[in-house]
Amino acid sequence: MYYLYGGKRDVPRRLVATFGSEQQLLAYVRWATLESSGPQSGKFEQGSVLAGFSQWEQSSTPLTTEDPGEVPHNPTPSML
């Protein structure tokens, strides 16, 4: 499983979604990114799980103690 985290300046990262593969996660981030402002940062689509965040981070292992069952798994643009 791959974990997608959203973050903002001065706010701890937060688990926003999980994915079955790294390819799915990266495809989702490409879709959700409206405007890039550097590696793993930018403005994100309003209806995406990254909306309201300014950065993203991925991992193949959990980085926080949040429950992965509480966030969307393999979200897609059609889920909006």
PDB file of N, CA and C in Angstrom:
ATOM      1  N   MET A   1       0.850  -1.174   0.000  1.00  0.00           N
ATOM      2  CA  MET A   1       0.000   0.000   0.000  1.00  0.00           C
ATOM      3  C   MET A   1       0.893   1.233   0.000  1.00  0.00           C
ATOM      4  N   TYR A   2       0.410   2.281  -0.676  1.00  0.00           N
ATOM      5  CA  TYR A   2       1.127   3.550  -0.736  1.00  0.00           C
ATOM      6  C   TYR A   2       0.276   4.625  -0.080  1.00  0.00           C
ATOM      7  N   TYR A   3       0.929   5.476   0.673  1.00  0.00           N
ATOM      8  CA  TYR A   3       0.261   6.485   1.486  1.00  0.00           C
ATOM      9  C   TYR A   3       0.530   7.866   0.906  1.00  0.00           C
ATOM     10  N   LEU A   4      -0.524   8.672   0.774  1.00  0.00           N
ATOM     11  CA  LEU A   4      -0.404  10.042   0.288  1.00  0.00           C
ATOM     12  C   LEU A   4      -0.732  10.986   1.433  1.00  0.00           C
ATOM     13  N   TYR A   5       0.182  11.902   1.682  1.00  0.00           N
ATOM     14  CA  TYR A   5       0.027  12.872   2.763  1.00  0.00           C
ATOM     15  C   TYR A   5      -0.059  14.277   2.184  1.00  0.00           C
ATOM     16  N   GLY A   6      -0.863  15.106   2.810  1.00  0.00           N
ATOM     17  CA  GLY A   6      -0.953  16.515   2.460  1.00  0.00           C
ATOM     18  C   GLY A   6      -0.348  17.333   3.580  1.00  0.00           C
ATOM     19  N   GLY A   7       0.209  18.466   3.219  1.00  0.00           N
ATOM     20  CA  GLY A   7       0.815  19.319   4.235  1.00  0.00           C
ATOM     21  C   GLY A   7       0.684  20.793   3.883  1.00  0.00           C
ATOM     22  N   LYS A   8       0.860  21.616   4.892  1.00  0.00           N
ATOM     23  CA  LYS A   8       0.875  23.071   4.761  1.00  0.00           C
ATOM     24  C   LYS A   8       1.993  23.591   5.647  1.00  0.00           C
ATOM     25  N   ARG A   9       2.394  24.794   5.378  1.00  0.00           N
ATOM     26  CA  ARG A   9       3.427  25.420   6.214  1.00  0.00           C
ATOM     27  C   ARG A   9       2.953  25.469   7.665  1.00  0.00           C
ATOM     28  N   ASP A  10       3.809  25.080   8.575  1.00  0.00           N
ATOM     29  CA  ASP A  10       3.564  25.118  10.024  1.00  0.00           C
ATOM     30  C   ASP A  10       2.425  24.211  10.488  1.00  0.00           C
ATOM     31  N   VAL A  11       2.037  23.233   9.669  1.00  0.00           N
ATOM     32  CA  VAL A  11       0.994  22.271  10.034  1.00  0.00           C
ATOM     33  C   VAL A  11       1.554  20.873   9.783  1.00  0.00           C
ATOM     34  N   PRO A  12       1.394  19.957  10.739  1.00  0.00           N
ATOM     35  CA  PRO A  12       1.913  18.606  10.529  1.00  0.00           C
ATOM     36  C   PRO A  12       1.235  17.930   9.336  1.00  0.00           C
ATOM     37  N   ARG A  13       1.974  17.074   8.642  1.00  0.00           N
ATOM     38  CA  ARG A  13       1.399  16.347   7.503  1.00  0.00           C
ATOM     39  C   ARG A  13       0.223  15.498   7.964  1.00  0.00           C
ATOM     40  N   ARG A  14      -0.697  15.256   7.028  1.00  0.00           N
ATOM     41  CA  ARG A  14      -1.892  14.486   7.346  1.00  0.00           C
ATOM     42  C   ARG A  14      -2.144  13.457   6.247  1.00  0.00           C
ATOM     43  N   LEU A  15      -2.472  12.245   6.629  1.00  0.00           N
ATOM     44  CA  LEU A  15      -2.801  11.205   5.665  1.00  0.00           C
ATOM     45  C   LEU A  15      -4.101  11.586   4.973  1.00  0.00           C
ATOM     46  N   VAL A  16      -4.085  11.617   3.616  1.00  0.00           N
ATOM     47  CA  VAL A  16      -5.284  12.012   2.882  1.00  0.00           C
ATOM     48  C   VAL A  16      -5.846  10.887   2.017  1.00  0.00           C
ATOM     49  N   ALA A  17      -5.020   9.894   1.660  1.00  0.00           N
ATOM     50  CA  ALA A  17      -5.503   8.779   0.838  1.00  0.00           C
ATOM     51  C   ALA A  17      -4.469   7.666   0.814  1.00  0.00           C
ATOM     52  N   THR A  18      -4.942   6.478   0.447  1.00  0.00           N
ATOM     53  CA  THR A  18      -4.043   5.347   0.223  1.00  0.00           C
ATOM     54  C   THR A  18      -4.278   4.836  -1.191  1.00  0.00           C
ATOM     55  N   PHE A  19      -3.266   4.184  -1.740  1.00  0.00           N
ATOM     56  CA  PHE A  19      -3.328   3.669  -3.106  1.00  0.00           C
ATOM     57  C   PHE A  19      -2.726   2.275  -3.159  1.00  0.00           C
ATOM     58  N   GLY A  20      -3.201   1.503  -4.115  1.00  0.00           N
ATOM     59  CA  GLY A  20      -2.708   0.142  -4.291  1.00  0.00           C
ATOM     60  C   GLY A  20      -1.346   0.074  -4.952  1.00  0.00           C
ATOM     61  N   SER A  21      -0.987   1.123  -5.682  1.00  0.00           N
ATOM     62  CA  SER A  21       0.322   1.142  -6.339  1.00  0.00           C
ATOM     63  C   SER A  21       0.859   2.565  -6.397  1.00  0.00           C
ATOM     64  N   GLU A  22       2.159   2.652  -6.549  1.00  0.00           N
ATOM     65  CA  GLU A  22       2.798   3.963  -6.655  1.00  0.00           C
ATOM     66  C   GLU A  22       2.342   4.666  -7.935  1.00  0.00           C
ATOM     67  N   GLN A  23       2.136   3.904  -9.016  1.00  0.00           N
ATOM     68  CA  GLN A  23       1.673   4.486 -10.282  1.00  0.00           C
ATOM     69  C   GLN A  23       0.320   5.163 -10.113  1.00  0.00           C
ATOM     70  N   GLN A  24      -0.595   4.516  -9.388  1.00  0.00           N
ATOM     71  CA  GLN A  24      -1.910   5.112  -9.148  1.00  0.00           C
ATOM     72  C   GLN A  24      -1.780   6.404  -8.361  1.00  0.00           C
ATOM     73  N   LEU A  25      -0.945   6.386  -7.323  1.00  0.00           N
ATOM     74  CA  LEU A  25      -0.745   7.575  -6.493  1.00  0.00           C
ATOM     75  C   LEU A  25      -0.194   8.721  -7.335  1.00  0.00           C
ATOM     76  N   LEU A  26       0.832   8.469  -8.119  1.00  0.00           N
ATOM     77  CA  LEU A  26       1.447   9.531  -8.912  1.00  0.00           C
ATOM     78  C   LEU A  26       0.505  10.049  -9.997  1.00  0.00           C
ATOM     79  N   ALA A  27      -0.280   9.168 -10.598  1.00  0.00           N
ATOM     80  CA  ALA A  27      -1.261   9.600 -11.603  1.00  0.00           C
ATOM     81  C   ALA A  27      -2.300  10.506 -10.951  1.00  0.00           C
ATOM     82  N   TYR A  28      -2.735  10.151  -9.751  1.00  0.00           N
ATOM     83  CA  TYR A  28      -3.715  10.965  -9.041  1.00  0.00           C
ATOM     84  C   TYR A  28      -3.129  12.338  -8.730  1.00  0.00           C
ATOM     85  N   VAL A  29      -1.903  12.387  -8.250  1.00  0.00           N
ATOM     86  CA  VAL A  29      -1.274  13.669  -7.914  1.00  0.00           C
ATOM     87  C   VAL A  29      -1.125  14.527  -9.176  1.00  0.00           C
ATOM     88  N   ARG A  30      -0.758  13.911 -10.299  1.00  0.00           N
ATOM     89  CA  ARG A  30      -0.655  14.674 -11.556  1.00  0.00           C
ATOM     90  C   ARG A  30      -2.007  15.284 -11.925  1.00  0.00           C
ATOM     91  N   TRP A  31      -3.068  14.492 -11.786  1.00  0.00           N
ATOM     92  CA  TRP A  31      -4.403  15.002 -12.092  1.00  0.00           C
ATOM     93  C   TRP A  31      -4.783  16.139 -11.129  1.00  0.00           C
ATOM     94  N   ALA A  32      -4.507  15.955  -9.851  1.00  0.00           N
ATOM     95  CA  ALA A  32      -4.947  16.909  -8.827  1.00  0.00           C
ATOM     96  C   ALA A  32      -4.168  18.221  -8.844  1.00  0.00           C
ATOM     97  N   THR A  33      -2.984  18.227  -9.435  1.00  0.00           N
ATOM     98  CA  THR A  33      -2.143  19.425  -9.424  1.00  0.00           C
ATOM     99  C   THR A  33      -2.595  20.409 -10.497  1.00  0.00           C
ATOM    100  N   LEU A  34      -3.086  21.554 -10.057  1.00  0.00           N
ATOM    101  CA  LEU A  34      -3.501  22.618 -10.979  1.00  0.00           C
ATOM    102  C   LEU A  34      -2.315  23.478 -11.385  1.00  0.00           C
ATOM    103  N   GLU A  35      -1.445  23.746 -10.430  1.00  0.00           N
ATOM    104  CA  GLU A  35      -0.299  24.617 -10.657  1.00  0.00           C
ATOM    105  C   GLU A  35       0.834  24.165  -9.754  1.00  0.00           C
ATOM    106  N   SER A  36       1.941  23.802 -10.353  1.00  0.00           N
ATOM    107  CA  SER A  36       3.092  23.353  -9.575  1.00  0.00           C
ATOM    108  C   SER A  36       3.908  24.556  -9.127  1.00  0.00           C
ATOM    109  N   SER A  37       4.375  24.523  -7.879  1.00  0.00           N
ATOM    110  CA  SER A  37       5.248  25.593  -7.392  1.00  0.00           C
ATOM    111  C   SER A  37       6.556  25.005  -6.877  1.00  0.00           C
ATOM    112  N   GLY A  38       6.913  23.848  -7.407  1.00  0.00           N
ATOM    113  CA  GLY A  38       8.135  23.170  -7.018  1.00  0.00           C
ATOM    114  C   GLY A  38       7.866  21.691  -6.850  1.00  0.00           C
ATOM    115  N   PRO A  39       8.901  20.936  -6.546  1.00  0.00           N
ATOM    116  CA  PRO A  39       8.706  19.501  -6.356  1.00  0.00           C
ATOM    117  C   PRO A  39       7.733  19.238  -5.196  1.00  0.00           C
ATOM    118  N   GLN A  40       6.721  18.480  -5.458  1.00  0.00           N
ATOM    119  CA  GLN A  40       5.737  18.072  -4.450  1.00  0.00           C
ATOM    120  C   GLN A  40       5.021  19.251  -3.787  1.00  0.00           C
ATOM    121  N   SER A  41       4.842  20.331  -4.526  1.00  0.00           N
ATOM    122  CA  SER A  41       4.085  21.454  -3.969  1.00  0.00           C
ATOM    123  C   SER A  41       3.352  22.191  -5.076  1.00  0.00           C
ATOM    124  N   GLY A  42       2.279  22.857  -4.689  1.00  0.00           N
ATOM    125  CA  GLY A  42       1.519  23.618  -5.659  1.00  0.00           C
ATOM    126  C   GLY A  42       0.105  23.869  -5.198  1.00  0.00           C
ATOM    127  N   LYS A  43      -0.769  24.164  -6.178  1.00  0.00           N
ATOM    128  CA  LYS A  43      -2.198  24.337  -5.934  1.00  0.00           C
ATOM    129  C   LYS A  43      -2.886  23.094  -6.459  1.00  0.00           C
ATOM    130  N   PHE A  44      -3.912  22.646  -5.732  1.00  0.00           N
ATOM    131  CA  PHE A  44      -4.557  21.390  -6.073  1.00  0.00           C
ATOM    132  C   PHE A  44      -6.046  21.563  -6.346  1.00  0.00           C
ATOM    133  N   GLU A  45      -6.564  20.701  -7.183  1.00  0.00           N
ATOM    134  CA  GLU A  45      -7.971  20.663  -7.573  1.00  0.00           C
ATOM    135  C   GLU A  45      -8.866  20.716  -6.337  1.00  0.00           C
ATOM    136  N   GLN A  46      -9.907  21.555  -6.376  1.00  0.00           N
ATOM    137  CA  GLN A  46     -10.810  21.726  -5.236  1.00  0.00           C
ATOM    138  C   GLN A  46     -11.401  20.417  -4.727  1.00  0.00           C
ATOM    139  N   GLY A  47     -11.830  19.544  -5.589  1.00  0.00           N
ATOM    140  CA  GLY A  47     -12.478  18.318  -5.139  1.00  0.00           C
ATOM    141  C   GLY A  47     -11.539  17.188  -4.802  1.00  0.00           C
ATOM    142  N   SER A  48     -10.245  17.417  -4.922  1.00  0.00           N
ATOM    143  CA  SER A  48      -9.276  16.346  -4.665  1.00  0.00           C
ATOM    144  C   SER A  48      -8.986  16.215  -3.167  1.00  0.00           C
ATOM    145  N   VAL A  49      -8.397  15.088  -2.797  1.00  0.00           N
ATOM    146  CA  VAL A  49      -8.042  14.880  -1.385  1.00  0.00           C
ATOM    147  C   VAL A  49      -6.923  15.837  -0.956  1.00  0.00           C
ATOM    148  N   LEU A  50      -6.246  16.456  -1.914  1.00  0.00           N
ATOM    149  CA  LEU A  50      -5.173  17.406  -1.598  1.00  0.00           C
ATOM    150  C   LEU A  50      -5.667  18.856  -1.523  1.00  0.00           C
ATOM    151  N   ALA A  51      -6.944  19.080  -1.771  1.00  0.00           N
ATOM    152  CA  ALA A  51      -7.492  20.437  -1.703  1.00  0.00           C
ATOM    153  C   ALA A  51      -7.222  21.030  -0.322  1.00  0.00           C
ATOM    154  N   GLY A  52      -6.773  22.257  -0.310  1.00  0.00           N
ATOM    155  CA  GLY A  52      -6.487  22.937   0.951  1.00  0.00           C
ATOM    156  C   GLY A  52      -5.059  22.738   1.440  1.00  0.00           C
ATOM    157  N   PHE A  53      -4.316  21.881   0.769  1.00  0.00           N
ATOM    158  CA  PHE A  53      -2.911  21.666   1.125  1.00  0.00           C
ATOM    159  C   PHE A  53      -2.025  22.341   0.092  1.00  0.00           C
ATOM    160  N   SER A  54      -0.771  22.565   0.443  1.00  0.00           N
ATOM    161  CA  SER A  54       0.157  23.181  -0.498  1.00  0.00           C
ATOM    162  C   SER A  54       1.315  22.255  -0.853  1.00  0.00           C
ATOM    163  N   GLN A  55       1.380  21.100  -0.201  1.00  0.00           N
ATOM    164  CA  GLN A  55       2.441  20.140  -0.487  1.00  0.00           C
ATOM    165  C   GLN A  55       1.908  18.727  -0.327  1.00  0.00           C
ATOM    166  N   TRP A  56       2.624  17.785  -0.956  1.00  0.00           N
ATOM    167  CA  TRP A  56       2.258  16.386  -0.791  1.00  0.00           C
ATOM    168  C   TRP A  56       3.520  15.569  -0.572  1.00  0.00           C
ATOM    169  N   GLU A  57       3.304  14.410   0.003  1.00  0.00           N
ATOM    170  CA  GLU A  57       4.406  13.488   0.295  1.00  0.00           C
ATOM    171  C   GLU A  57       3.859  12.078   0.142  1.00  0.00           C
ATOM    172  N   GLN A  58       4.686  11.173  -0.337  1.00  0.00           N
ATOM    173  CA  GLN A  58       4.267   9.785  -0.485  1.00  0.00           C
ATOM    174  C   GLN A  58       5.195   8.874   0.290  1.00  0.00           C
ATOM    175  N   SER A  59       4.678   7.704   0.643  1.00  0.00           N
ATOM    176  CA  SER A  59       5.482   6.727   1.368  1.00  0.00           C
ATOM    177  C   SER A  59       4.885   5.345   1.164  1.00  0.00           C
ATOM    178  N   SER A  60       5.740   4.330   1.215  1.00  0.00           N
ATOM    179  CA  SER A  60       5.245   2.947   1.144  1.00  0.00           C
ATOM    180  C   SER A  60       5.024   2.392   2.547  1.00  0.00           C
ATOM    181  N   THR A  61       5.332   3.190   3.554  1.00  0.00           N
ATOM    182  CA  THR A  61       5.064   2.811   4.942  1.00  0.00           C
ATOM    183  C   THR A  61       4.396   3.992   5.638  1.00  0.00           C
ATOM    184  N   PRO A  62       3.554   3.741   6.632  1.00  0.00           N
ATOM    185  CA  PRO A  62       2.881   4.859   7.328  1.00  0.00           C
ATOM    186  C   PRO A  62       3.886   5.807   7.974  1.00  0.00           C
ATOM    187  N   LEU A  63       3.630   7.102   7.858  1.00  0.00           N
ATOM    188  CA  LEU A  63       4.483   8.118   8.473  1.00  0.00           C
ATOM    189  C   LEU A  63       3.830   8.730   9.706  1.00  0.00           C
ATOM    190  N   THR A  64       2.547   8.431   9.904  1.00  0.00           N
ATOM    191  CA  THR A  64       1.810   8.952  11.054  1.00  0.00           C
ATOM    192  C   THR A  64       1.026   7.794  11.675  1.00  0.00           C
ATOM    193  N   THR A  65       0.367   8.054  12.775  1.00  0.00           N
ATOM    194  CA  THR A  65      -0.430   7.013  13.437  1.00  0.00           C
ATOM    195  C   THR A  65      -1.895   7.028  12.996  1.00  0.00           C
ATOM    196  N   GLU A  66      -2.212   7.822  11.973  1.00  0.00           N
ATOM    197  CA  GLU A  66      -3.587   7.903  11.482  1.00  0.00           C
ATOM    198  C   GLU A  66      -4.039   6.557  10.916  1.00  0.00           C
ATOM    199  N   ASP A  67      -5.322   6.275  11.017  1.00  0.00           N
ATOM    200  CA  ASP A  67      -5.902   5.022  10.531  1.00  0.00           C
ATOM    201  C   ASP A  67      -6.129   5.105   9.025  1.00  0.00           C
ATOM    202  N   PRO A  68      -5.438   4.277   8.228  1.00  0.00           N
ATOM    203  CA  PRO A  68      -5.625   4.300   6.776  1.00  0.00           C
ATOM    204  C   PRO A  68      -7.053   3.955   6.348  1.00  0.00           C
ATOM    205  N   GLY A  69      -7.798   3.272   7.192  1.00  0.00           N
ATOM    206  CA  GLY A  69      -9.179   2.935   6.883  1.00  0.00           C
ATOM    207  C   GLY A  69     -10.115   4.129   6.933  1.00  0.00           C
ATOM    208  N   GLU A  70      -9.647   5.243   7.463  1.00  0.00           N
ATOM    209  CA  GLU A  70     -10.466   6.447   7.594  1.00  0.00           C
ATOM    210  C   GLU A  70     -10.334   7.400   6.408  1.00  0.00           C
ATOM    211  N   VAL A  71      -9.472   7.075   5.431  1.00  0.00           N
ATOM    212  CA  VAL A  71      -9.280   7.935   4.260  1.00  0.00           C
ATOM    213  C   VAL A  71      -9.630   7.149   2.996  1.00  0.00           C
ATOM    214  N   PRO A  72      -9.905   7.835   1.893  1.00  0.00           N
ATOM    215  CA  PRO A  72     -10.235   7.134   0.657  1.00  0.00           C
ATOM    216  C   PRO A  72      -9.090   6.246   0.169  1.00  0.00           C
ATOM    217  N   HIS A  73      -9.448   5.094  -0.386  1.00  0.00           N
ATOM    218  CA  HIS A  73      -8.465   4.194  -1.001  1.00  0.00           C
ATOM    219  C   HIS A  73      -8.656   4.261  -2.512  1.00  0.00           C
ATOM    220  N   ASN A  74      -7.585   4.517  -3.228  1.00  0.00           N
ATOM    221  CA  ASN A  74      -7.609   4.663  -4.686  1.00  0.00           C
ATOM    222  C   ASN A  74      -8.653   5.684  -5.153  1.00  0.00           C
ATOM    223  N   PRO A  75      -8.655   6.903  -4.602  1.00  0.00           N
ATOM    224  CA  PRO A  75      -9.621   7.896  -5.082  1.00  0.00           C
ATOM    225  C   PRO A  75      -9.358   8.189  -6.565  1.00  0.00           C
ATOM    226  N   THR A  76     -10.400   8.525  -7.278  1.00  0.00           N
ATOM    227  CA  THR A  76     -10.282   8.855  -8.691  1.00  0.00           C
ATOM    228  C   THR A  76     -11.046  10.146  -8.954  1.00  0.00           C
ATOM    229  N   PRO A  77     -10.735  10.820 -10.054  1.00  0.00           N
ATOM    230  CA  PRO A  77     -11.477  12.045 -10.387  1.00  0.00           C
ATOM    231  C   PRO A  77     -12.987  11.787 -10.489  1.00  0.00           C
ATOM    232  N   SER A  78     -13.393  10.598 -10.866  1.00  0.00           N
ATOM    233  CA  SER A  78     -14.819  10.313 -11.003  1.00  0.00           C
ATOM    234  C   SER A  78     -15.529  10.245  -9.661  1.00  0.00           C
ATOM    235  N   MET A  79     -14.763  10.214  -8.546  1.00  0.00           N
ATOM    236  CA  MET A  79     -15.353  10.172  -7.209  1.00  0.00           C
ATOM    237  C   MET A  79     -15.818  11.565  -6.760  1.00  0.00           C
ATOM    238  N   LEU A  80     -15.514  12.600  -7.527  1.00  0.00           N
ATOM    239  CA  LEU A  80     -15.871  13.970  -7.145  1.00  0.00           C
ATOM    240  C   LEU A  80     -17.364  14.181  -7.195  1.00  0.00           C
TER     241      LEU A  80
END
